[in-house]
């Protein structure tokens, strides 16, 4: 019973870390996309 508790808490920590990793990569991707979009608009208005 005690072992089960420990494994479930470790599982929860692992899930939270995984979720944090997902959100981090999504944020980075959104940042790159916004920069790309902004530079595209700048390029179109320049020409």
PDB file of N, CA and C in Angstrom:
ATOM      1  N   UNK A   1       0.838  -1.211   0.000  1.00  0.00           N
ATOM      2  CA  UNK A   1       0.000   0.000   0.000  1.00  0.00           C
ATOM      3  C   UNK A   1       0.871   1.258   0.000  1.00  0.00           C
ATOM      4  N   UNK A   2       1.919   1.213   0.836  1.00  0.00           N
ATOM      5  CA  UNK A   2       2.842   2.358   0.904  1.00  0.00           C
ATOM      6  C   UNK A   2       3.613   2.504  -0.410  1.00  0.00           C
ATOM      7  N   UNK A   3       3.973   1.354  -0.980  1.00  0.00           N
ATOM      8  CA  UNK A   3       4.713   1.353  -2.242  1.00  0.00           C
ATOM      9  C   UNK A   3       3.857   1.937  -3.361  1.00  0.00           C
ATOM     10  N   UNK A   4       2.576   1.626  -3.325  1.00  0.00           N
ATOM     11  CA  UNK A   4       1.643   2.115  -4.339  1.00  0.00           C
ATOM     12  C   UNK A   4       1.551   3.639  -4.288  1.00  0.00           C
ATOM     13  N   UNK A   5       1.518   4.170  -3.057  1.00  0.00           N
ATOM     14  CA  UNK A   5       1.438   5.624  -2.880  1.00  0.00           C
ATOM     15  C   UNK A   5       2.662   6.300  -3.478  1.00  0.00           C
ATOM     16  N   UNK A   6       3.838   5.724  -3.203  1.00  0.00           N
ATOM     17  CA  UNK A   6       5.079   6.321  -3.676  1.00  0.00           C
ATOM     18  C   UNK A   6       5.132   6.324  -5.208  1.00  0.00           C
ATOM     19  N   UNK A   7       4.715   5.211  -5.813  1.00  0.00           N
ATOM     20  CA  UNK A   7       4.757   5.107  -7.272  1.00  0.00           C
ATOM     21  C   UNK A   7       3.760   6.071  -7.915  1.00  0.00           C
ATOM     22  N   UNK A   8       2.607   6.254  -7.279  1.00  0.00           N
ATOM     23  CA  UNK A   8       1.602   7.152  -7.851  1.00  0.00           C
ATOM     24  C   UNK A   8       2.059   8.605  -7.755  1.00  0.00           C
ATOM     25  N   UNK A   9       2.769   8.948  -6.670  1.00  0.00           N
ATOM     26  CA  UNK A   9       3.270  10.314  -6.527  1.00  0.00           C
ATOM     27  C   UNK A   9       4.382  10.577  -7.545  1.00  0.00           C
ATOM     28  N   UNK A  10       5.215   9.563  -7.781  1.00  0.00           N
ATOM     29  CA  UNK A  10       6.269   9.684  -8.789  1.00  0.00           C
ATOM     30  C   UNK A  10       5.651   9.832 -10.174  1.00  0.00           C
ATOM     31  N   UNK A  11       4.554   9.115 -10.397  1.00  0.00           N
ATOM     32  CA  UNK A  11       3.848   9.187 -11.672  1.00  0.00           C
ATOM     33  C   UNK A  11       3.293  10.590 -11.888  1.00  0.00           C
ATOM     34  N   UNK A  12       2.764  11.176 -10.809  1.00  0.00           N
ATOM     35  CA  UNK A  12       2.200  12.515 -10.911  1.00  0.00           C
ATOM     36  C   UNK A  12       3.291  13.540 -11.222  1.00  0.00           C
ATOM     37  N   UNK A  13       4.438  13.399 -10.574  1.00  0.00           N
ATOM     38  CA  UNK A  13       5.568  14.297 -10.831  1.00  0.00           C
ATOM     39  C   UNK A  13       6.014  14.168 -12.284  1.00  0.00           C
ATOM     40  N   UNK A  14       6.085  12.926 -12.768  1.00  0.00           N
ATOM     41  CA  UNK A  14       6.479  12.689 -14.156  1.00  0.00           C
ATOM     42  C   UNK A  14       5.507  13.310 -15.138  1.00  0.00           C
ATOM     43  N   UNK A  15       4.211  13.202 -14.819  1.00  0.00           N
ATOM     44  CA  UNK A  15       3.183  13.785 -15.685  1.00  0.00           C
ATOM     45  C   UNK A  15       3.283  15.298 -15.708  1.00  0.00           C
ATOM     46  N   UNK A  16       3.518  15.894 -14.537  1.00  0.00           N
ATOM     47  CA  UNK A  16       3.629  17.354 -14.469  1.00  0.00           C
ATOM     48  C   UNK A  16       4.834  17.848 -15.257  1.00  0.00           C
ATOM     49  N   UNK A  17       5.947  17.105 -15.146  1.00  0.00           N
ATOM     50  CA  UNK A  17       7.156  17.478 -15.882  1.00  0.00           C
ATOM     51  C   UNK A  17       6.916  17.376 -17.384  1.00  0.00           C
ATOM     52  N   UNK A  18       6.204  16.311 -17.792  1.00  0.00           N
ATOM     53  CA  UNK A  18       5.887  16.086 -19.205  1.00  0.00           C
ATOM     54  C   UNK A  18       5.010  17.218 -19.727  1.00  0.00           C
ATOM     55  N   UNK A  19       4.011  17.598 -18.900  1.00  0.00           N
ATOM     56  CA  UNK A  19       3.097  18.679 -19.270  1.00  0.00           C
ATOM     57  C   UNK A  19       3.856  19.990 -19.412  1.00  0.00           C
ATOM     58  N   UNK A  20       4.791  20.232 -18.493  1.00  0.00           N
ATOM     59  CA  UNK A  20       5.600  21.450 -18.527  1.00  0.00           C
ATOM     60  C   UNK A  20       6.446  21.481 -19.795  1.00  0.00           C
ATOM     61  N   UNK A  21       6.995  20.327 -20.174  1.00  0.00           N
ATOM     62  CA  UNK A  21       7.814  20.230 -21.385  1.00  0.00           C
ATOM     63  C   UNK A  21       6.975  20.538 -22.622  1.00  0.00           C
ATOM     64  N   UNK A  22       5.753  20.022 -22.664  1.00  0.00           N
ATOM     65  CA  UNK A  22       4.844  20.263 -23.793  1.00  0.00           C
ATOM     66  C   UNK A  22       4.521  21.750 -23.911  1.00  0.00           C
ATOM     67  N   UNK A  23       4.145  22.364 -22.794  1.00  0.00           N
ATOM     68  CA  UNK A  23       3.781  23.787 -22.823  1.00  0.00           C
ATOM     69  C   UNK A  23       4.968  24.641 -23.227  1.00  0.00           C
ATOM     70  N   UNK A  24       6.172  24.242 -22.772  1.00  0.00           N
ATOM     71  CA  UNK A  24       7.369  24.998 -23.100  1.00  0.00           C
ATOM     72  C   UNK A  24       7.622  24.980 -24.601  1.00  0.00           C
ATOM     73  N   UNK A  25       7.564  23.795 -25.213  1.00  0.00           N
ATOM     74  CA  UNK A  25       7.818  23.685 -26.650  1.00  0.00           C
ATOM     75  C   UNK A  25       6.741  24.393 -27.460  1.00  0.00           C
ATOM     76  N   UNK A  26       5.501  24.358 -26.990  1.00  0.00           N
ATOM     77  CA  UNK A  26       4.416  25.055 -27.683  1.00  0.00           C
ATOM     78  C   UNK A  26       4.651  26.561 -27.637  1.00  0.00           C
ATOM     79  N   UNK A  27       5.088  27.069 -26.483  1.00  0.00           N
ATOM     80  CA  UNK A  27       5.365  28.497 -26.325  1.00  0.00           C
ATOM     81  C   UNK A  27       6.492  28.927 -27.252  1.00  0.00           C
ATOM     82  N   UNK A  28       7.550  28.115 -27.322  1.00  0.00           N
ATOM     83  CA  UNK A  28       8.687  28.423 -28.195  1.00  0.00           C
ATOM     84  C   UNK A  28       8.242  28.426 -29.654  1.00  0.00           C
ATOM     85  N   UNK A  29       7.440  27.428 -30.038  1.00  0.00           N
ATOM     86  CA  UNK A  29       6.941  27.352 -31.410  1.00  0.00           C
ATOM     87  C   UNK A  29       6.081  28.554 -31.757  1.00  0.00           C
ATOM     88  N   UNK A  30       5.236  28.984 -30.821  1.00  0.00           N
ATOM     89  CA  UNK A  30       4.397  30.155 -31.052  1.00  0.00           C
ATOM     90  C   UNK A  30       5.245  31.403 -31.216  1.00  0.00           C
ATOM     91  N   UNK A  31       6.306  31.518 -30.424  1.00  0.00           N
ATOM     92  CA  UNK A  31       7.205  32.662 -30.521  1.00  0.00           C
ATOM     93  C   UNK A  31       7.874  32.721 -31.881  1.00  0.00           C
ATOM     94  N   UNK A  32       8.381  31.591 -32.338  1.00  0.00           N
ATOM     95  CA  UNK A  32       9.030  31.516 -33.652  1.00  0.00           C
ATOM     96  C   UNK A  32       8.029  31.857 -34.751  1.00  0.00           C
ATOM     97  N   UNK A  33       6.806  31.340 -34.618  1.00  0.00           N
ATOM     98  CA  UNK A  33       5.768  31.595 -35.613  1.00  0.00           C
ATOM     99  C   UNK A  33       5.415  33.075 -35.673  1.00  0.00           C
ATOM    100  N   UNK A  34       5.290  33.712 -34.513  1.00  0.00           N
ATOM    101  CA  UNK A  34       4.951  35.137 -34.468  1.00  0.00           C
ATOM    102  C   UNK A  34       6.057  35.982 -35.085  1.00  0.00           C
ATOM    103  N   UNK A  35       7.314  35.635 -34.790  1.00  0.00           N
ATOM    104  CA  UNK A  35       8.448  36.362 -35.371  1.00  0.00           C
ATOM    105  C   UNK A  35       8.447  36.200 -36.888  1.00  0.00           C
ATOM    106  N   UNK A  36       8.189  34.971 -37.341  1.00  0.00           N
ATOM    107  CA  UNK A  36       8.138  34.686 -38.775  1.00  0.00           C
ATOM    108  C   UNK A  36       7.030  35.487 -39.449  1.00  0.00           C
ATOM    109  N   UNK A  37       5.856  35.504 -38.820  1.00  0.00           N
ATOM    110  CA  UNK A  37       4.712  36.237 -39.355  1.00  0.00           C
ATOM    111  C   UNK A  37       5.012  37.730 -39.418  1.00  0.00           C
ATOM    112  N   UNK A  38       5.609  38.243 -38.352  1.00  0.00           N
ATOM    113  CA  UNK A  38       5.924  39.668 -38.268  1.00  0.00           C
ATOM    114  C   UNK A  38       6.927  40.067 -39.351  1.00  0.00           C
ATOM    115  N   UNK A  39       7.968  39.246 -39.541  1.00  0.00           N
ATOM    116  CA  UNK A  39       8.973  39.552 -40.556  1.00  0.00           C
ATOM    117  C   UNK A  39       8.375  39.457 -41.953  1.00  0.00           C
ATOM    118  N   UNK A  40       7.428  38.556 -42.138  1.00  0.00           N
ATOM    119  CA  UNK A  40       6.754  38.413 -43.427  1.00  0.00           C
ATOM    120  C   UNK A  40       5.947  39.673 -43.737  1.00  0.00           C
ATOM    121  N   UNK A  41       5.237  40.188 -42.741  1.00  0.00           N
ATOM    122  CA  UNK A  41       4.442  41.409 -42.915  1.00  0.00           C
ATOM    123  C   UNK A  41       5.364  42.597 -43.193  1.00  0.00           C
ATOM    124  N   UNK A  42       6.447  42.679 -42.451  1.00  0.00           N
ATOM    125  CA  UNK A  42       7.421  43.755 -42.648  1.00  0.00           C
ATOM    126  C   UNK A  42       7.988  43.702 -44.070  1.00  0.00           C
ATOM    127  N   UNK A  43       8.296  42.503 -44.540  1.00  0.00           N
ATOM    128  CA  UNK A  43       8.858  42.316 -45.872  1.00  0.00           C
ATOM    129  C   UNK A  43       7.858  42.747 -46.945  1.00  0.00           C
ATOM    130  N   UNK A  44       6.580  42.440 -46.737  1.00  0.00           N
ATOM    131  CA  UNK A  44       5.552  42.783 -47.721  1.00  0.00           C
ATOM    132  C   UNK A  44       5.297  44.285 -47.769  1.00  0.00           C
ATOM    133  N   UNK A  45       5.353  44.950 -46.622  1.00  0.00           N
ATOM    134  CA  UNK A  45       5.116  46.392 -46.602  1.00  0.00           C
ATOM    135  C   UNK A  45       6.325  47.148 -47.144  1.00  0.00           C
ATOM    136  N   UNK A  46       7.511  46.535 -47.057  1.00  0.00           N
ATOM    137  CA  UNK A  46       8.724  47.192 -47.534  1.00  0.00           C
ATOM    138  C   UNK A  46       8.764  47.218 -49.060  1.00  0.00           C
ATOM    139  N   UNK A  47       8.320  46.133 -49.686  1.00  0.00           N
ATOM    140  CA  UNK A  47       8.388  46.065 -51.149  1.00  0.00           C
ATOM    141  C   UNK A  47       7.226  46.804 -51.799  1.00  0.00           C
TER     142      UNK A  47
END
